[in-house]
Amino acid sequence: MLSTKMLPAVGVLYPIYLLFIKMGLLDTRIGLVVVLMLINLPIIVWMLYTYFKEIPGEILEAARMDGASLREEILYVLTPMAVPGIASTILLNVILAWNEAFWTLNLTAAKAGPLTAFIASYSSPEGLFYAKLSAASVMAIAPILIMGWFSQKQLVRGLTFGAVK
């Protein structure tokens, strides 16, 4: 599953570009969300698998003995126990999607251009506009820094979940 992250993105750019043209997703927000979700999906599955695997089976057996259905097991037993793992997975994947420049620069032009395309626009044949580039970069980094700062406790607890037995 993680081997998809080891494949160079350039190797699949042309087929995805052709698919996006054929499906009408080129330079759309929906297309950008789809490609960012798909490139981060292996990490999401891998992280969540390890978090849910660390939940003891005895707890689920006890819930079944108390008469809980599968839906109730998931909603009232598994989900509350995996909240740190789910939160750290979400935060990590937001950071990975936010920092993605290759796909956003190659699959968007004007309509769905994210911050990476905006920052890249300050590079021109006349040179770099360092002041504008620096200001735009700080503004792009600020939301992730603030979100990471406020969720630091949850992130550390989720990333170390199951590390010590």
C-alpha atoms as a PDB file:
ATOM      1  CA  MET A   1       0.000   0.000   0.000  1.00  0.00           C
ATOM      2  CA  LEU A   2       2.795   2.421   0.828  1.00  0.00           C
ATOM      3  CA  SER A   3       4.572   1.616  -2.431  1.00  0.00           C
ATOM      4  CA  THR A   4       2.217   4.057  -4.149  1.00  0.00           C
ATOM      5  CA  LYS A   5       3.897   6.849  -2.176  1.00  0.00           C
ATOM      6  CA  MET A   6       7.304   5.615  -3.376  1.00  0.00           C
ATOM      7  CA  LEU A   7       6.400   5.959  -7.045  1.00  0.00           C
ATOM      8  CA  PRO A   8       7.558   9.280  -8.500  1.00  0.00           C
ATOM      9  CA  ALA A   9       4.571  11.515  -9.155  1.00  0.00           C
ATOM     10  CA  VAL A  10       5.944  12.405 -12.576  1.00  0.00           C
ATOM     11  CA  GLY A  11       5.505   8.767 -13.593  1.00  0.00           C
ATOM     12  CA  VAL A  12       1.719   8.985 -13.318  1.00  0.00           C
ATOM     13  CA  LEU A  13       1.219  12.636 -14.212  1.00  0.00           C
ATOM     14  CA  TYR A  14       0.546  12.082 -17.911  1.00  0.00           C
ATOM     15  CA  PRO A  15      -2.125   9.354 -17.470  1.00  0.00           C
ATOM     16  CA  ILE A  16      -3.868  11.324 -14.725  1.00  0.00           C
ATOM     17  CA  TYR A  17      -3.672  14.487 -16.827  1.00  0.00           C
ATOM     18  CA  LEU A  18      -5.314  12.675 -19.748  1.00  0.00           C
ATOM     19  CA  LEU A  19      -8.010  11.244 -17.456  1.00  0.00           C
ATOM     20  CA  PHE A  20      -8.717  14.673 -16.030  1.00  0.00           C
ATOM     21  CA  ILE A  21      -9.065  16.159 -19.528  1.00  0.00           C
ATOM     22  CA  LYS A  22     -11.402  13.354 -20.632  1.00  0.00           C
ATOM     23  CA  MET A  23     -13.544  13.587 -17.477  1.00  0.00           C
ATOM     24  CA  GLY A  24     -13.621  17.403 -17.415  1.00  0.00           C
ATOM     25  CA  LEU A  25     -11.869  17.627 -14.037  1.00  0.00           C
ATOM     26  CA  LEU A  26      -8.854  19.646 -15.181  1.00  0.00           C
ATOM     27  CA  ASP A  27      -8.635  22.963 -13.348  1.00  0.00           C
ATOM     28  CA  THR A  28     -11.560  22.207 -11.024  1.00  0.00           C
ATOM     29  CA  ARG A  29     -11.677  22.052  -7.258  1.00  0.00           C
ATOM     30  CA  ILE A  30     -13.363  18.645  -7.358  1.00  0.00           C
ATOM     31  CA  GLY A  31     -10.529  17.236  -9.468  1.00  0.00           C
ATOM     32  CA  LEU A  32      -7.958  18.674  -7.094  1.00  0.00           C
ATOM     33  CA  VAL A  33      -9.726  17.204  -4.056  1.00  0.00           C
ATOM     34  CA  VAL A  34      -9.921  13.805  -5.768  1.00  0.00           C
ATOM     35  CA  VAL A  35      -6.231  13.670  -6.638  1.00  0.00           C
ATOM     36  CA  LEU A  36      -5.102  14.927  -3.208  1.00  0.00           C
ATOM     37  CA  MET A  37      -7.361  12.404  -1.498  1.00  0.00           C
ATOM     38  CA  LEU A  38      -6.072   9.549  -3.630  1.00  0.00           C
ATOM     39  CA  ILE A  39      -2.393  10.344  -3.083  1.00  0.00           C
ATOM     40  CA  ASN A  40      -2.911  10.483   0.693  1.00  0.00           C
ATOM     41  CA  LEU A  41      -5.256   7.486   0.911  1.00  0.00           C
ATOM     42  CA  PRO A  42      -2.477   4.905   1.575  1.00  0.00           C
ATOM     43  CA  ILE A  43      -1.217   6.869   4.570  1.00  0.00           C
ATOM     44  CA  ILE A  44      -4.761   7.325   5.903  1.00  0.00           C
ATOM     45  CA  VAL A  45      -5.508   3.599   5.671  1.00  0.00           C
ATOM     46  CA  TRP A  46      -2.145   2.596   7.135  1.00  0.00           C
ATOM     47  CA  MET A  47      -2.403   4.955  10.114  1.00  0.00           C
ATOM     48  CA  LEU A  48      -6.025   4.149  10.910  1.00  0.00           C
ATOM     49  CA  TYR A  49      -5.373   0.409  10.587  1.00  0.00           C
ATOM     50  CA  THR A  50      -2.648   0.602  13.234  1.00  0.00           C
ATOM     51  CA  TYR A  51      -4.841   2.664  15.572  1.00  0.00           C
ATOM     52  CA  PHE A  52      -7.842   0.351  15.320  1.00  0.00           C
ATOM     53  CA  LYS A  53      -5.625  -2.731  15.579  1.00  0.00           C
ATOM     54  CA  GLU A  54      -4.353  -1.554  18.976  1.00  0.00           C
ATOM     55  CA  ILE A  55      -7.855  -1.512  20.479  1.00  0.00           C
ATOM     56  CA  PRO A  56      -8.217  -4.693  22.566  1.00  0.00           C
ATOM     57  CA  GLY A  57     -10.676  -7.249  21.238  1.00  0.00           C
ATOM     58  CA  GLU A  58     -11.925  -7.934  24.755  1.00  0.00           C
ATOM     59  CA  ILE A  59     -13.602  -4.533  24.814  1.00  0.00           C
ATOM     60  CA  LEU A  60     -15.544  -5.379  21.670  1.00  0.00           C
ATOM     61  CA  GLU A  61     -16.481  -8.773  23.107  1.00  0.00           C
ATOM     62  CA  ALA A  62     -17.744  -7.069  26.260  1.00  0.00           C
ATOM     63  CA  ALA A  63     -19.840  -4.686  24.151  1.00  0.00           C
ATOM     64  CA  ARG A  64     -21.298  -7.660  22.254  1.00  0.00           C
ATOM     65  CA  MET A  65     -22.088  -9.416  25.535  1.00  0.00           C
ATOM     66  CA  ASP A  66     -23.941  -6.287  26.652  1.00  0.00           C
ATOM     67  CA  GLY A  67     -26.084  -6.535  23.519  1.00  0.00           C
ATOM     68  CA  ALA A  68     -24.456  -3.894  21.325  1.00  0.00           C
ATOM     69  CA  SER A  69     -25.046  -4.165  17.589  1.00  0.00           C
ATOM     70  CA  LEU A  70     -22.258  -3.673  15.062  1.00  0.00           C
ATOM     71  CA  ARG A  71     -23.344  -0.058  14.538  1.00  0.00           C
ATOM     72  CA  GLU A  72     -23.309   0.610  18.288  1.00  0.00           C
ATOM     73  CA  GLU A  73     -19.887  -1.034  18.622  1.00  0.00           C
ATOM     74  CA  ILE A  74     -18.471   1.269  15.977  1.00  0.00           C
ATOM     75  CA  LEU A  75     -20.193   4.443  17.206  1.00  0.00           C
ATOM     76  CA  TYR A  76     -19.955   4.032  20.970  1.00  0.00           C
ATOM     77  CA  VAL A  77     -16.910   1.813  21.534  1.00  0.00           C
ATOM     78  CA  LEU A  78     -14.437   1.986  18.653  1.00  0.00           C
ATOM     79  CA  THR A  79     -14.782   5.624  17.631  1.00  0.00           C
ATOM     80  CA  PRO A  80     -14.308   7.186  21.102  1.00  0.00           C
ATOM     81  CA  MET A  81     -11.261   5.004  21.731  1.00  0.00           C
ATOM     82  CA  ALA A  82      -9.695   5.936  18.389  1.00  0.00           C
ATOM     83  CA  VAL A  83     -10.328   9.699  18.546  1.00  0.00           C
ATOM     84  CA  PRO A  84      -6.625  10.548  19.093  1.00  0.00           C
ATOM     85  CA  GLY A  85      -5.649   8.391  16.131  1.00  0.00           C
ATOM     86  CA  ILE A  86      -8.380   9.799  13.912  1.00  0.00           C
ATOM     87  CA  ALA A  87      -7.477  13.372  14.873  1.00  0.00           C
ATOM     88  CA  SER A  88      -3.762  12.888  14.213  1.00  0.00           C
ATOM     89  CA  THR A  89      -4.531  11.181  10.896  1.00  0.00           C
ATOM     90  CA  ILE A  90      -6.756  14.054   9.815  1.00  0.00           C
ATOM     91  CA  LEU A  91      -4.196  16.663  10.874  1.00  0.00           C
ATOM     92  CA  LEU A  92      -1.324  14.884   9.133  1.00  0.00           C
ATOM     93  CA  ASN A  93      -3.306  14.507   5.924  1.00  0.00           C
ATOM     94  CA  VAL A  94      -4.429  18.141   5.964  1.00  0.00           C
ATOM     95  CA  ILE A  95      -0.768  19.117   6.276  1.00  0.00           C
ATOM     96  CA  LEU A  96       0.243  16.783   3.441  1.00  0.00           C
ATOM     97  CA  ALA A  97      -2.529  18.083   1.168  1.00  0.00           C
ATOM     98  CA  TRP A  98      -1.803  21.700   2.100  1.00  0.00           C
ATOM     99  CA  ASN A  99       1.883  21.317   1.236  1.00  0.00           C
ATOM    100  CA  GLU A 100       1.301  19.495  -2.050  1.00  0.00           C
ATOM    101  CA  ALA A 101       2.718  21.600  -4.856  1.00  0.00           C
ATOM    102  CA  PHE A 102       3.380  19.184  -7.733  1.00  0.00           C
ATOM    103  CA  TRP A 103      -0.201  18.126  -8.411  1.00  0.00           C
ATOM    104  CA  THR A 104      -1.696  21.530  -7.744  1.00  0.00           C
ATOM    105  CA  LEU A 105       0.678  23.266 -10.139  1.00  0.00           C
ATOM    106  CA  ASN A 106       0.201  20.698 -12.896  1.00  0.00           C
ATOM    107  CA  LEU A 107      -3.562  20.140 -12.687  1.00  0.00           C
ATOM    108  CA  THR A 108      -4.774  23.695 -12.100  1.00  0.00           C
ATOM    109  CA  ALA A 109      -4.397  26.929 -13.993  1.00  0.00           C
ATOM    110  CA  ALA A 110      -6.718  29.790 -13.130  1.00  0.00           C
ATOM    111  CA  LYS A 111     -10.062  28.557 -11.798  1.00  0.00           C
ATOM    112  CA  ALA A 112      -8.956  26.236  -8.993  1.00  0.00           C
ATOM    113  CA  GLY A 113      -5.489  27.571  -8.235  1.00  0.00           C
ATOM    114  CA  PRO A 114      -4.575  26.987  -4.571  1.00  0.00           C
ATOM    115  CA  LEU A 115      -1.939  28.820  -2.553  1.00  0.00           C
ATOM    116  CA  THR A 116       0.923  26.887  -4.142  1.00  0.00           C
ATOM    117  CA  ALA A 117      -0.039  28.175  -7.591  1.00  0.00           C
ATOM    118  CA  PHE A 118      -0.394  31.682  -6.141  1.00  0.00           C
ATOM    119  CA  ILE A 119       3.071  31.519  -4.571  1.00  0.00           C
ATOM    120  CA  ALA A 120       4.587  30.078  -7.745  1.00  0.00           C
ATOM    121  CA  SER A 121       3.194  33.033  -9.694  1.00  0.00           C
ATOM    122  CA  TYR A 122       5.739  35.323  -7.998  1.00  0.00           C
ATOM    123  CA  SER A 123       8.497  33.641  -9.997  1.00  0.00           C
ATOM    124  CA  SER A 124       8.771  35.368 -13.345  1.00  0.00           C
ATOM    125  CA  PRO A 125      11.374  35.772 -16.115  1.00  0.00           C
ATOM    126  CA  GLU A 126      12.227  39.184 -14.648  1.00  0.00           C
ATOM    127  CA  GLY A 127      13.224  37.545 -11.361  1.00  0.00           C
ATOM    128  CA  LEU A 128      11.775  36.684  -8.002  1.00  0.00           C
ATOM    129  CA  PHE A 129       9.698  39.123  -6.020  1.00  0.00           C
ATOM    130  CA  TYR A 130      11.167  38.258  -2.635  1.00  0.00           C
ATOM    131  CA  ALA A 131       8.966  40.502  -0.497  1.00  0.00           C
ATOM    132  CA  LYS A 132       5.704  39.245  -2.026  1.00  0.00           C
ATOM    133  CA  LEU A 133       7.008  35.669  -2.076  1.00  0.00           C
ATOM    134  CA  SER A 134       7.934  35.846   1.612  1.00  0.00           C
ATOM    135  CA  ALA A 135       4.619  37.399   2.640  1.00  0.00           C
ATOM    136  CA  ALA A 136       2.593  34.848   0.666  1.00  0.00           C
ATOM    137  CA  SER A 137       4.657  31.984   2.101  1.00  0.00           C
ATOM    138  CA  VAL A 138       4.116  33.170   5.677  1.00  0.00           C
ATOM    139  CA  MET A 139       0.379  33.498   5.059  1.00  0.00           C
ATOM    140  CA  ALA A 140       0.343  29.979   3.577  1.00  0.00           C
ATOM    141  CA  ILE A 141       2.179  28.503   6.553  1.00  0.00           C
ATOM    142  CA  ALA A 142       0.223  30.356   9.259  1.00  0.00           C
ATOM    143  CA  PRO A 143      -3.040  28.301   9.226  1.00  0.00           C
ATOM    144  CA  ILE A 144      -1.204  24.979   9.477  1.00  0.00           C
ATOM    145  CA  LEU A 145       1.056  26.307  12.237  1.00  0.00           C
ATOM    146  CA  ILE A 146      -1.901  27.569  14.239  1.00  0.00           C
ATOM    147  CA  MET A 147      -3.878  24.362  13.722  1.00  0.00           C
ATOM    148  CA  GLY A 148      -0.850  22.261  14.734  1.00  0.00           C
ATOM    149  CA  TRP A 149      -0.216  24.426  17.770  1.00  0.00           C
ATOM    150  CA  PHE A 150      -3.788  24.119  19.060  1.00  0.00           C
ATOM    151  CA  SER A 151      -3.947  20.371  18.411  1.00  0.00           C
ATOM    152  CA  GLN A 152      -0.428  19.544  19.605  1.00  0.00           C
ATOM    153  CA  LYS A 153      -1.552  17.471  22.596  1.00  0.00           C
ATOM    154  CA  GLN A 154      -4.000  15.455  20.489  1.00  0.00           C
ATOM    155  CA  LEU A 155      -1.415  15.002  17.736  1.00  0.00           C
ATOM    156  CA  VAL A 156       1.307  13.714  20.065  1.00  0.00           C
ATOM    157  CA  ARG A 157      -1.136  11.374  21.799  1.00  0.00           C
ATOM    158  CA  GLY A 158      -2.390  10.052  18.469  1.00  0.00           C
ATOM    159  CA  LEU A 159       1.024   9.580  16.906  1.00  0.00           C
ATOM    160  CA  THR A 160       2.343   7.686  19.933  1.00  0.00           C
ATOM    161  CA  PHE A 161      -0.815   5.577  20.305  1.00  0.00           C
ATOM    162  CA  GLY A 162       0.243   1.964  20.562  1.00  0.00           C
ATOM    163  CA  ALA A 163       3.961   2.765  20.554  1.00  0.00           C
ATOM    164  CA  VAL A 164       4.525   1.483  24.095  1.00  0.00           C
ATOM    165  CA  LYS A 165       3.188  -1.893  25.132  1.00  0.00           C
END
